[in-house]
Amino acid sequence: MERNRDGYVSPLSTRYASREMQYLFSDNNKFRTWRRLWIALAEAERELGLHITEEQIDELKAHAEDVNYDVAEARERVVRHDVMSHVYAYGQQCPQAEGIIHLGATSCYVGDNTDLICLRDASRLVLKRRPRCCGTWRTSPGGTRICPAWATPTSSPPSSPPSASGPRCG
């Protein structure tokens, strides 16, 4: 049975996260982001004078969205390294560009930058939906289990500055 790779699955995500938020932390988004980062790396290295052709970059772009999970998973069972498994799988799809995928980078290049991109996108999603949520919280007498009671119009603000206590709901 094919696994759903468009959503992040956990008890919390399936109960509380929107489909859009689940997608941000999904395998498809993660590994497609890795591929976009490898394309950006190759383009930057080309600009800096490394011998990388436009054809190689075009080949990478042509396969940026169609992650070959079967190849990556088989390779990971052998090498026990997720990034190198996906470098290998992408190289199988892009034989002309195989030698430039991840060139000069560490695993942290794709891992850490993908985490930052996902967190940025998730923050934007939360901020986009915040006015709707906070409007609901403000009308709840005494606050809710999500929004602290001090944020209600009848209570005093916390003694610590807002930056230390996080955003205020009311």
Protein backbone atom coordinates (compact mmCIF):
# COMPACT_ATOMS: atom_id res chain seq x y z
CA MET A 1 0.00 0.00 0.00
CA GLU A 2 1.35 3.43 -1.02
CA ARG A 3 2.05 5.72 1.92
CA ASN A 4 0.50 9.18 1.95
CA ARG A 5 3.49 11.50 1.66
CA ASP A 6 1.52 14.76 1.55
CA GLY A 7 0.83 14.94 5.28
CA TYR A 8 2.74 14.71 8.53
CA VAL A 9 1.19 11.99 10.68
CA SER A 10 1.11 12.02 14.45
CA PRO A 11 -1.73 11.89 16.98
CA LEU A 12 -1.49 15.67 17.39
CA SER A 13 -1.29 16.52 13.70
CA THR A 14 -4.23 14.36 12.72
CA ARG A 15 -6.40 15.91 15.44
CA TYR A 16 -5.36 19.54 15.42
CA ALA A 17 -3.35 20.54 12.34
CA SER A 18 -4.87 21.75 9.09
CA ARG A 19 -4.07 19.91 5.88
CA GLU A 20 -1.96 22.87 4.83
CA MET A 21 0.10 22.66 8.03
CA GLN A 22 0.43 18.87 7.74
CA TYR A 23 1.74 19.29 4.19
CA LEU A 24 4.43 21.73 5.34
CA PHE A 25 5.96 18.96 7.47
CA SER A 26 5.31 16.12 5.02
CA ASP A 27 7.83 13.92 3.22
CA ASN A 28 6.86 15.41 -0.14
CA ASN A 29 7.49 18.96 1.00
CA LYS A 30 10.71 18.00 2.79
CA PHE A 31 12.32 16.12 -0.08
CA ARG A 32 11.12 18.53 -2.78
CA THR A 33 12.64 21.33 -0.71
CA TRP A 34 15.90 19.40 -0.58
CA ARG A 35 15.82 19.25 -4.37
CA ARG A 36 15.08 22.98 -4.70
CA LEU A 37 18.04 23.66 -2.39
CA TRP A 38 20.32 21.46 -4.50
CA ILE A 39 19.21 23.37 -7.60
CA ALA A 40 19.91 26.70 -5.88
CA LEU A 41 23.33 25.39 -4.80
CA ALA A 42 24.19 24.31 -8.35
CA GLU A 43 23.08 27.67 -9.75
CA ALA A 44 25.16 29.57 -7.20
CA GLU A 45 28.21 27.38 -7.83
CA ARG A 46 27.80 27.91 -11.58
CA GLU A 47 27.72 31.70 -11.02
CA LEU A 48 30.92 31.38 -8.99
CA GLY A 49 32.66 29.68 -11.91
CA LEU A 50 32.38 25.95 -11.20
CA HIS A 51 32.03 23.85 -14.32
CA ILE A 52 28.28 23.26 -14.13
CA THR A 53 26.27 23.41 -17.31
CA GLU A 54 22.82 24.84 -17.88
CA GLU A 55 21.80 21.39 -19.16
CA GLN A 56 22.69 19.85 -15.80
CA ILE A 57 20.62 22.46 -13.96
CA ASP A 58 17.72 21.97 -16.37
CA GLU A 59 17.87 18.23 -15.74
CA LEU A 60 17.69 18.83 -11.98
CA LYS A 61 14.72 21.17 -12.44
CA ALA A 62 12.92 18.61 -14.62
CA HIS A 63 12.93 16.11 -11.74
CA ALA A 64 12.56 18.45 -8.77
CA GLU A 65 8.98 17.38 -8.02
CA ASP A 66 8.97 13.65 -8.83
CA VAL A 67 10.81 12.12 -5.89
CA ASN A 68 11.65 8.47 -6.53
CA TYR A 69 11.02 7.20 -3.01
CA ASP A 70 11.47 3.54 -3.90
CA VAL A 71 15.08 4.14 -4.98
CA ALA A 72 15.84 6.41 -1.99
CA GLU A 73 14.38 3.93 0.51
CA ALA A 74 16.26 1.00 -1.00
CA ARG A 75 19.51 2.98 -0.91
CA GLU A 76 18.93 4.09 2.67
CA ARG A 77 18.69 0.47 3.79
CA VAL A 78 22.23 0.06 2.43
CA VAL A 79 23.95 3.31 3.44
CA ARG A 80 21.82 4.28 6.47
CA HIS A 81 21.94 7.99 5.56
CA ASP A 82 18.83 9.84 4.43
CA VAL A 83 20.58 12.69 2.63
CA MET A 84 23.02 10.48 0.73
CA SER A 85 20.15 8.16 -0.17
CA HIS A 86 18.26 11.03 -1.74
CA VAL A 87 21.40 12.33 -3.48
CA TYR A 88 21.75 8.87 -5.01
CA ALA A 89 18.06 8.65 -5.98
CA TYR A 90 18.09 12.12 -7.56
CA GLY A 91 21.26 11.17 -9.42
CA GLN A 92 19.50 8.13 -10.86
CA GLN A 93 16.89 10.46 -12.35
CA CYS A 94 19.48 13.01 -13.47
CA PRO A 95 22.50 11.11 -14.83
CA GLN A 96 24.10 14.21 -16.43
CA ALA A 97 23.84 16.13 -13.14
CA GLU A 98 24.65 13.26 -10.79
CA GLY A 99 28.13 14.58 -9.97
CA ILE A 100 26.95 18.08 -9.02
CA ILE A 101 24.08 17.17 -6.68
CA HIS A 102 25.05 18.27 -3.15
CA LEU A 103 28.50 19.31 -4.45
CA GLY A 104 30.54 20.82 -1.62
CA ALA A 105 27.65 20.74 0.85
CA THR A 106 27.11 18.95 4.12
CA SER A 107 23.94 17.15 5.17
CA CYS A 108 23.13 20.16 7.33
CA TYR A 109 22.81 22.26 4.17
CA VAL A 110 19.59 20.52 3.19
CA GLY A 111 18.48 19.37 6.63
CA ASP A 112 18.83 22.65 8.52
CA ASN A 113 17.71 24.90 5.67
CA THR A 114 14.65 22.75 5.03
CA ASP A 115 13.75 22.94 8.72
CA LEU A 116 14.08 26.73 8.59
CA ILE A 117 11.97 26.98 5.44
CA CYS A 118 9.26 24.75 6.95
CA LEU A 119 9.24 26.73 10.20
CA ARG A 120 9.08 30.01 8.28
CA ASP A 121 6.17 28.76 6.18
CA ALA A 122 4.39 27.37 9.24
CA SER A 123 4.84 30.70 11.05
CA ARG A 124 3.37 32.54 8.07
CA LEU A 125 0.41 30.18 8.07
CA VAL A 126 -0.19 30.70 11.79
CA LEU A 127 0.12 34.48 11.44
CA LYS A 128 -2.25 34.47 8.47
CA ARG A 129 -4.87 32.68 10.56
CA ARG A 130 -4.10 34.49 13.84
CA PRO A 131 -6.72 37.25 13.66
CA ARG A 132 -9.49 34.67 13.28
CA CYS A 133 -8.19 32.63 16.23
CA CYS A 134 -7.49 35.54 18.53
CA GLY A 135 -10.91 37.01 17.85
CA THR A 136 -12.41 33.79 19.17
CA TRP A 137 -10.07 33.73 22.16
CA ARG A 138 -10.87 37.30 23.18
CA THR A 139 -14.59 36.59 23.34
CA SER A 140 -14.11 33.56 25.56
CA PRO A 141 -14.84 34.57 29.16
CA GLY A 142 -11.86 33.83 31.39
CA GLY A 143 -9.72 32.75 28.47
CA THR A 144 -9.44 29.20 27.16
CA ARG A 145 -7.06 26.35 27.72
CA ILE A 146 -5.18 27.65 24.68
CA CYS A 147 -5.09 31.36 25.54
CA PRO A 148 -3.94 32.42 29.01
CA ALA A 149 -6.50 34.03 31.32
CA TRP A 150 -4.46 37.25 31.64
CA ALA A 151 -5.30 38.10 28.05
CA THR A 152 -8.97 38.69 28.84
CA PRO A 153 -10.17 42.29 29.11
CA THR A 154 -10.95 41.95 32.84
CA SER A 155 -7.53 40.74 34.00
CA SER A 156 -4.15 42.42 34.39
CA PRO A 157 -1.25 41.83 32.01
CA PRO A 158 1.66 39.68 33.19
CA SER A 159 4.49 41.25 35.15
CA SER A 160 7.06 40.23 32.53
CA PRO A 161 7.35 42.20 29.26
CA PRO A 162 5.34 40.87 26.27
CA SER A 163 8.51 39.85 24.44
CA ALA A 164 9.43 37.48 27.26
CA SER A 165 5.97 35.99 27.65
CA GLY A 166 5.13 35.67 23.97
CA PRO A 167 2.38 37.30 21.94
CA ARG A 168 -0.70 38.51 23.76
CA CYS A 169 -4.05 37.21 22.62
CA GLY A 170 -6.17 40.16 23.69
